[in-house]
């Protein structure tokens, strides 16, 4: 074997080893993403979501990121009405779970009080600004 052949062989072995290391690193990263997706899916399901956890679960099963993005594209492709329908259903499930406990009812009561204060403040601002706007017209 000549020196050139030995160097060429060493270079080939080096690039193969580097490629395998990179492939292993990518697989490890995807495994981490799958684990994160599984945890996020569980958390979203606990919070009342249904469609997004199904999309995440599909990614967890096959490990192909295109599955996740394809599922999102499909869900968003159904149109804004379908996305809003999912959010409304999630809101209803969260509201039901909050109303099921005294602590949840207290949280809702506090949020409604804040919303009422904001609404009263907005009405006061509108009443103060309305004459100026009307005069400007």
N, C-alpha and C. Protein backbone atom coordinates (compact mmCIF):
# COMPACT_ATOMS: atom_id res chain seq x y z
N UNK A 1 0.84 -1.18 0.00
CA UNK A 1 0.00 0.00 0.00
C UNK A 1 0.88 1.24 0.00
N UNK A 2 0.47 2.17 -0.81
CA UNK A 2 1.25 3.40 -0.88
C UNK A 2 0.80 4.36 0.22
N UNK A 3 1.59 5.37 0.43
CA UNK A 3 1.27 6.38 1.43
C UNK A 3 -0.04 7.09 1.07
N UNK A 4 -0.23 7.35 -0.21
CA UNK A 4 -1.46 8.01 -0.67
C UNK A 4 -2.69 7.16 -0.34
N UNK A 5 -2.60 5.85 -0.60
CA UNK A 5 -3.72 4.95 -0.32
C UNK A 5 -4.01 4.89 1.18
N UNK A 6 -2.98 4.88 1.99
CA UNK A 6 -3.16 4.85 3.44
C UNK A 6 -3.84 6.13 3.92
N UNK A 7 -3.39 7.27 3.42
CA UNK A 7 -4.00 8.55 3.78
C UNK A 7 -5.45 8.63 3.31
N UNK A 8 -5.69 8.13 2.10
CA UNK A 8 -7.05 8.12 1.56
C UNK A 8 -7.95 7.23 2.40
N UNK A 9 -7.47 6.07 2.77
CA UNK A 9 -8.22 5.14 3.62
C UNK A 9 -8.49 5.77 4.99
N UNK A 10 -7.50 6.43 5.55
CA UNK A 10 -7.67 7.08 6.85
C UNK A 10 -8.73 8.20 6.75
N UNK A 11 -8.70 8.95 5.66
CA UNK A 11 -9.68 10.03 5.47
C UNK A 11 -11.10 9.45 5.34
N UNK A 12 -11.23 8.37 4.61
CA UNK A 12 -12.54 7.73 4.44
C UNK A 12 -13.05 7.23 5.80
N UNK A 13 -12.20 6.57 6.56
CA UNK A 13 -12.59 6.06 7.88
C UNK A 13 -12.98 7.23 8.79
N UNK A 14 -12.21 8.32 8.72
CA UNK A 14 -12.51 9.50 9.53
C UNK A 14 -13.90 10.06 9.20
N UNK A 15 -14.20 10.22 7.92
CA UNK A 15 -15.49 10.79 7.52
C UNK A 15 -16.65 9.85 7.81
N UNK A 16 -16.43 8.56 7.70
CA UNK A 16 -17.48 7.60 8.06
C UNK A 16 -17.76 7.68 9.56
N UNK A 17 -16.70 7.72 10.37
CA UNK A 17 -16.87 7.82 11.82
C UNK A 17 -17.57 9.12 12.19
N UNK A 18 -17.18 10.20 11.54
CA UNK A 18 -17.80 11.50 11.80
C UNK A 18 -19.28 11.48 11.42
N UNK A 19 -19.58 10.87 10.27
CA UNK A 19 -20.97 10.77 9.83
C UNK A 19 -21.81 9.94 10.79
N UNK A 20 -21.25 8.84 11.29
CA UNK A 20 -21.97 8.01 12.25
C UNK A 20 -22.20 8.76 13.56
N UNK A 21 -21.20 9.52 13.98
CA UNK A 21 -21.34 10.31 15.20
C UNK A 21 -22.44 11.36 15.04
N UNK A 22 -22.46 12.02 13.89
CA UNK A 22 -23.49 13.02 13.61
C UNK A 22 -24.87 12.38 13.56
N UNK A 23 -24.96 11.22 12.94
CA UNK A 23 -26.24 10.51 12.85
C UNK A 23 -26.73 10.13 14.25
N UNK A 24 -25.82 9.67 15.11
CA UNK A 24 -26.18 9.33 16.48
C UNK A 24 -26.64 10.56 17.24
N UNK A 25 -25.97 11.68 17.01
CA UNK A 25 -26.33 12.93 17.68
C UNK A 25 -27.74 13.37 17.25
N UNK A 26 -28.04 13.25 15.97
CA UNK A 26 -29.36 13.62 15.46
C UNK A 26 -30.43 12.70 16.05
N UNK A 27 -30.15 11.41 16.09
CA UNK A 27 -31.12 10.47 16.67
C UNK A 27 -31.37 10.77 18.15
N UNK A 28 -30.32 11.11 18.87
CA UNK A 28 -30.46 11.46 20.29
C UNK A 28 -31.33 12.70 20.43
N UNK A 29 -31.09 13.69 19.57
CA UNK A 29 -31.87 14.93 19.63
C UNK A 29 -33.34 14.64 19.33
N UNK A 30 -33.61 13.82 18.34
CA UNK A 30 -35.00 13.47 18.00
C UNK A 30 -35.64 12.72 19.16
N UNK A 31 -34.89 11.84 19.81
CA UNK A 31 -35.43 11.12 20.98
C UNK A 31 -35.78 12.11 22.09
N UNK A 32 -34.95 13.13 22.27
CA UNK A 32 -35.25 14.17 23.27
C UNK A 32 -36.53 14.92 22.89
N UNK A 33 -36.65 15.26 21.60
CA UNK A 33 -37.87 15.95 21.14
C UNK A 33 -39.11 15.09 21.36
N UNK A 34 -38.98 13.79 21.11
CA UNK A 34 -40.12 12.89 21.30
C UNK A 34 -40.53 12.84 22.77
N UNK A 35 -39.54 12.81 23.66
CA UNK A 35 -39.83 12.79 25.10
C UNK A 35 -40.53 14.09 25.50
N UNK A 36 -40.01 15.22 25.03
CA UNK A 36 -40.62 16.52 25.33
C UNK A 36 -42.04 16.59 24.77
N UNK A 37 -42.23 16.07 23.56
CA UNK A 37 -43.56 16.09 22.94
C UNK A 37 -44.54 15.25 23.75
N UNK A 38 -44.08 14.12 24.26
CA UNK A 38 -44.95 13.26 25.06
C UNK A 38 -45.37 13.97 26.35
N UNK A 39 -44.41 14.62 27.01
CA UNK A 39 -44.73 15.34 28.25
C UNK A 39 -45.68 16.51 27.97
N UNK A 40 -45.44 17.23 26.88
CA UNK A 40 -46.29 18.36 26.51
C UNK A 40 -47.69 17.88 26.14
N UNK A 41 -47.77 16.74 25.47
CA UNK A 41 -49.07 16.17 25.11
C UNK A 41 -49.89 15.85 26.36
N UNK A 42 -49.25 15.26 27.34
CA UNK A 42 -49.93 14.92 28.59
C UNK A 42 -50.42 16.19 29.28
N UNK A 43 -49.56 17.20 29.32
CA UNK A 43 -49.93 18.46 29.96
C UNK A 43 -51.10 19.14 29.25
N UNK A 44 -51.06 19.16 27.92
CA UNK A 44 -52.16 19.78 27.17
C UNK A 44 -53.46 19.00 27.37
N UNK A 45 -53.36 17.67 27.38
CA UNK A 45 -54.56 16.86 27.58
C UNK A 45 -55.16 17.13 28.96
N UNK A 46 -54.31 17.30 29.97
CA UNK A 46 -54.79 17.61 31.32
C UNK A 46 -55.47 18.97 31.35
N UNK A 47 -55.04 19.87 30.47
CA UNK A 47 -55.63 21.21 30.42
C UNK A 47 -56.85 21.29 29.51
N UNK A 48 -57.25 20.17 28.93
CA UNK A 48 -58.48 20.14 28.17
C UNK A 48 -58.35 20.11 26.67
N UNK A 49 -57.15 20.17 26.14
CA UNK A 49 -56.98 20.12 24.68
C UNK A 49 -57.15 18.69 24.18
N UNK A 50 -57.59 18.55 22.94
CA UNK A 50 -57.78 17.22 22.37
C UNK A 50 -57.00 17.03 21.07
N UNK A 51 -57.09 17.98 20.13
CA UNK A 51 -56.48 17.78 18.81
C UNK A 51 -54.96 17.87 18.85
N UNK A 52 -54.41 18.87 19.48
CA UNK A 52 -52.95 19.04 19.49
C UNK A 52 -52.26 17.86 20.18
N UNK A 53 -52.78 17.35 21.31
CA UNK A 53 -52.14 16.16 21.89
C UNK A 53 -52.14 14.95 20.94
N UNK A 54 -53.19 14.80 20.14
CA UNK A 54 -53.22 13.69 19.17
C UNK A 54 -52.10 13.85 18.15
N UNK A 55 -51.87 15.10 17.71
CA UNK A 55 -50.80 15.37 16.75
C UNK A 55 -49.44 15.07 17.39
N UNK A 56 -49.26 15.50 18.63
CA UNK A 56 -48.01 15.24 19.33
C UNK A 56 -47.80 13.75 19.55
N UNK A 57 -48.87 13.03 19.88
CA UNK A 57 -48.77 11.59 20.10
C UNK A 57 -48.33 10.86 18.82
N UNK A 58 -48.84 11.31 17.68
CA UNK A 58 -48.44 10.70 16.41
C UNK A 58 -46.94 10.89 16.17
N UNK A 59 -46.43 12.09 16.49
CA UNK A 59 -44.99 12.34 16.36
C UNK A 59 -44.20 11.46 17.32
N UNK A 60 -44.70 11.31 18.54
CA UNK A 60 -44.00 10.48 19.53
C UNK A 60 -43.90 9.04 19.03
N UNK A 61 -44.95 8.55 18.38
CA UNK A 61 -44.94 7.16 17.91
C UNK A 61 -43.98 6.92 16.77
N UNK A 62 -43.95 7.84 15.77
CA UNK A 62 -43.10 7.55 14.62
C UNK A 62 -41.79 8.34 14.58
N UNK A 63 -41.68 9.40 15.38
CA UNK A 63 -40.44 10.14 15.47
C UNK A 63 -40.11 11.02 14.28
N UNK A 64 -41.02 11.13 13.34
CA UNK A 64 -40.78 11.94 12.15
C UNK A 64 -41.37 13.34 12.35
N UNK A 65 -40.55 14.38 12.38
CA UNK A 65 -41.07 15.73 12.59
C UNK A 65 -42.12 16.14 11.54
N UNK A 66 -42.04 15.54 10.36
CA UNK A 66 -43.03 15.87 9.32
C UNK A 66 -44.43 15.46 9.75
N UNK A 67 -44.54 14.44 10.60
CA UNK A 67 -45.83 14.04 11.13
C UNK A 67 -46.44 15.16 11.94
N UNK A 68 -45.63 15.77 12.81
CA UNK A 68 -46.10 16.86 13.65
C UNK A 68 -46.54 18.05 12.79
N UNK A 69 -45.65 18.48 11.89
CA UNK A 69 -45.97 19.66 11.08
C UNK A 69 -47.12 19.38 10.12
N UNK A 70 -47.19 18.16 9.62
CA UNK A 70 -48.31 17.79 8.75
C UNK A 70 -49.63 17.82 9.51
N UNK A 71 -49.61 17.34 10.76
CA UNK A 71 -50.82 17.36 11.59
C UNK A 71 -51.26 18.78 11.89
N UNK A 72 -50.30 19.64 12.21
CA UNK A 72 -50.64 21.05 12.44
C UNK A 72 -51.20 21.70 11.19
N UNK A 73 -50.54 21.44 10.05
CA UNK A 73 -51.00 22.00 8.78
C UNK A 73 -52.43 21.54 8.50
N UNK A 74 -52.70 20.28 8.76
CA UNK A 74 -54.04 19.73 8.53
C UNK A 74 -55.07 20.41 9.44
N UNK A 75 -54.71 20.55 10.72
CA UNK A 75 -55.63 21.18 11.66
C UNK A 75 -55.89 22.64 11.27
N UNK A 76 -54.83 23.36 10.95
CA UNK A 76 -55.00 24.76 10.56
C UNK A 76 -55.68 24.88 9.20
N UNK A 77 -55.48 23.87 8.35
CA UNK A 77 -56.11 23.88 7.03
C UNK A 77 -57.61 23.69 7.09
N UNK A 78 -58.10 23.19 8.22
CA UNK A 78 -59.54 23.03 8.39
C UNK A 78 -60.23 24.39 8.51
N UNK A 79 -59.42 25.40 8.71
CA UNK A 79 -59.95 26.76 8.77
C UNK A 79 -60.03 27.28 10.18
N UNK A 80 -60.14 28.60 10.29
CA UNK A 80 -60.16 29.22 11.61
C UNK A 80 -61.36 28.78 12.45
N UNK A 81 -62.46 28.45 11.80
CA UNK A 81 -63.65 28.02 12.56
C UNK A 81 -63.37 26.74 13.34
N UNK A 82 -62.63 25.80 12.72
CA UNK A 82 -62.32 24.55 13.40
C UNK A 82 -61.34 24.77 14.55
N UNK A 83 -60.39 25.67 14.34
CA UNK A 83 -59.43 25.97 15.42
C UNK A 83 -60.17 26.63 16.58
N UNK A 84 -61.05 27.57 16.27
CA UNK A 84 -61.83 28.22 17.32
C UNK A 84 -62.76 27.23 18.02
N UNK A 85 -63.28 26.29 17.27
CA UNK A 85 -64.14 25.26 17.85
C UNK A 85 -63.35 24.42 18.87
N UNK A 86 -62.11 24.07 18.52
CA UNK A 86 -61.24 23.33 19.44
C UNK A 86 -60.96 24.16 20.69
N UNK A 87 -60.67 25.44 20.51
CA UNK A 87 -60.39 26.31 21.66
C UNK A 87 -61.64 26.50 22.52
N UNK A 88 -62.81 26.64 21.90
CA UNK A 88 -64.06 26.77 22.66
C UNK A 88 -64.33 25.51 23.48
N UNK A 89 -64.14 24.36 22.84
CA UNK A 89 -64.36 23.09 23.56
C UNK A 89 -63.38 22.95 24.72
N UNK A 90 -62.14 23.36 24.50
CA UNK A 90 -61.13 23.32 25.56
C UNK A 90 -61.53 24.25 26.70
N UNK A 91 -61.97 25.45 26.35
CA UNK A 91 -62.41 26.40 27.37
C UNK A 91 -63.56 25.81 28.19
N UNK A 92 -64.52 25.19 27.51
CA UNK A 92 -65.66 24.60 28.22
C UNK A 92 -65.20 23.50 29.19
N UNK A 93 -64.25 22.66 28.75
CA UNK A 93 -63.76 21.59 29.62
C UNK A 93 -63.01 22.16 30.83
N UNK A 94 -62.21 23.20 30.60
CA UNK A 94 -61.47 23.83 31.70
C UNK A 94 -62.46 24.49 32.67
N UNK A 95 -63.46 25.17 32.13
CA UNK A 95 -64.46 25.83 32.97
C UNK A 95 -65.20 24.80 33.82
N UNK A 96 -65.60 23.69 33.22
CA UNK A 96 -66.28 22.64 33.97
C UNK A 96 -65.41 22.11 35.11
N UNK A 97 -64.12 21.92 34.82
CA UNK A 97 -63.24 21.39 35.86
C UNK A 97 -63.05 22.42 36.98
N UNK A 98 -62.99 23.70 36.62
CA UNK A 98 -62.83 24.75 37.65
C UNK A 98 -64.09 24.85 38.51
N UNK A 99 -65.25 24.74 37.88
CA UNK A 99 -66.50 24.84 38.63
C UNK A 99 -66.73 23.63 39.54
N UNK A 100 -65.96 22.58 39.32
CA UNK A 100 -66.13 21.36 40.10
C UNK A 100 -65.48 21.38 41.47
N UNK A 101 -64.73 22.44 41.77
CA UNK A 101 -64.08 22.49 43.09
C UNK A 101 -64.23 23.89 43.69
N UNK A 102 -64.27 23.97 45.02
CA UNK A 102 -64.37 25.29 45.66
C UNK A 102 -63.19 26.20 45.31
N UNK A 103 -61.99 25.62 45.23
CA UNK A 103 -60.82 26.43 44.88
C UNK A 103 -60.95 26.98 43.46
N UNK A 104 -61.43 26.15 42.55
CA UNK A 104 -61.62 26.57 41.17
C UNK A 104 -62.65 27.68 41.07
N UNK A 105 -63.73 27.55 41.84
CA UNK A 105 -64.76 28.60 41.82
C UNK A 105 -64.20 29.91 42.38
N UNK A 106 -63.35 29.82 43.38
CA UNK A 106 -62.72 31.03 43.93
C UNK A 106 -61.83 31.71 42.88
N UNK A 107 -61.08 30.90 42.15
CA UNK A 107 -60.23 31.46 41.08
C UNK A 107 -61.08 32.16 40.04
N UNK A 108 -62.17 31.50 39.61
CA UNK A 108 -63.05 32.11 38.61
C UNK A 108 -63.70 33.39 39.14
N UNK A 109 -64.11 33.36 40.39
CA UNK A 109 -64.73 34.55 41.00
C UNK A 109 -63.74 35.72 40.98
N UNK A 110 -62.50 35.46 41.34
CA UNK A 110 -61.47 36.51 41.35
C UNK A 110 -61.22 37.04 39.94
N UNK A 111 -61.18 36.16 38.95
CA UNK A 111 -60.96 36.59 37.58
C UNK A 111 -62.14 37.42 37.07
N UNK A 112 -63.34 37.03 37.44
CA UNK A 112 -64.52 37.80 37.03
C UNK A 112 -64.52 39.20 37.67
N UNK A 113 -64.06 39.29 38.92
CA UNK A 113 -63.97 40.59 39.56
C UNK A 113 -62.98 41.50 38.83
N UNK A 114 -61.85 40.94 38.43
CA UNK A 114 -60.87 41.72 37.67
C UNK A 114 -61.46 42.14 36.33
N UNK A 115 -62.14 41.22 35.65
CA UNK A 115 -62.75 41.54 34.36
C UNK A 115 -63.79 42.63 34.51
N UNK A 116 -64.56 42.59 35.58
CA UNK A 116 -65.57 43.61 35.83
C UNK A 116 -64.91 44.98 36.03
N UNK A 117 -63.83 45.03 36.78
CA UNK A 117 -63.11 46.29 37.00
C UNK A 117 -62.57 46.84 35.68
N UNK A 118 -62.04 45.96 34.85
CA UNK A 118 -61.51 46.38 33.55
C UNK A 118 -62.64 46.92 32.68
N UNK A 119 -63.78 46.24 32.69
CA UNK A 119 -64.92 46.68 31.88
C UNK A 119 -65.44 48.03 32.37
N UNK A 120 -65.55 48.22 33.67
CA UNK A 120 -66.01 49.50 34.23
C UNK A 120 -65.03 50.60 33.85
N UNK A 121 -63.74 50.32 33.93
CA UNK A 121 -62.73 51.31 33.53
C UNK A 121 -62.83 51.65 32.06
N UNK A 122 -63.07 50.65 31.22
CA UNK A 122 -63.20 50.89 29.78
C UNK A 122 -64.42 51.75 29.49
N UNK A 123 -65.50 51.52 30.20
CA UNK A 123 -66.72 52.32 30.01
C UNK A 123 -66.46 53.77 30.40
N UNK A 124 -65.76 53.99 31.51
CA UNK A 124 -65.44 55.35 31.94
C UNK A 124 -64.58 56.07 30.89
N UNK A 125 -63.61 55.36 30.36
CA UNK A 125 -62.75 55.96 29.32
C UNK A 125 -63.57 56.28 28.08
N UNK A 126 -64.44 55.36 27.69
CA UNK A 126 -65.27 55.60 26.50
C UNK A 126 -66.17 56.80 26.69
N UNK A 127 -66.77 56.95 27.88
CA UNK A 127 -67.64 58.10 28.15
C UNK A 127 -66.85 59.40 28.13
N UNK A 128 -65.61 59.35 28.59
CA UNK A 128 -64.79 60.57 28.62
C UNK A 128 -64.30 60.94 27.21
N UNK A 129 -64.02 59.94 26.40
CA UNK A 129 -63.46 60.18 25.07
C UNK A 129 -64.54 60.47 24.03
N UNK A 130 -65.72 59.92 24.22
CA UNK A 130 -66.79 60.05 23.22
C UNK A 130 -67.09 61.50 22.84
N UNK A 131 -67.26 62.43 23.78
CA UNK A 131 -67.55 63.82 23.37
C UNK A 131 -66.42 64.43 22.52
N UNK A 132 -65.18 64.09 22.84
CA UNK A 132 -64.06 64.62 22.07
C UNK A 132 -64.08 64.05 20.65
N UNK A 133 -64.35 62.77 20.52
CA UNK A 133 -64.41 62.14 19.21
C UNK A 133 -65.56 62.71 18.39
N UNK A 134 -66.71 62.85 19.01
CA UNK A 134 -67.88 63.37 18.32
C UNK A 134 -67.63 64.83 17.87
N UNK A 135 -67.00 65.62 18.73
CA UNK A 135 -66.69 67.00 18.40
C UNK A 135 -65.70 67.06 17.22
N UNK A 136 -64.80 66.09 17.16
CA UNK A 136 -63.80 66.08 16.08
C UNK A 136 -64.41 65.70 14.74
N UNK A 137 -65.54 65.01 14.77
CA UNK A 137 -66.19 64.60 13.53
C UNK A 137 -66.90 65.78 12.94
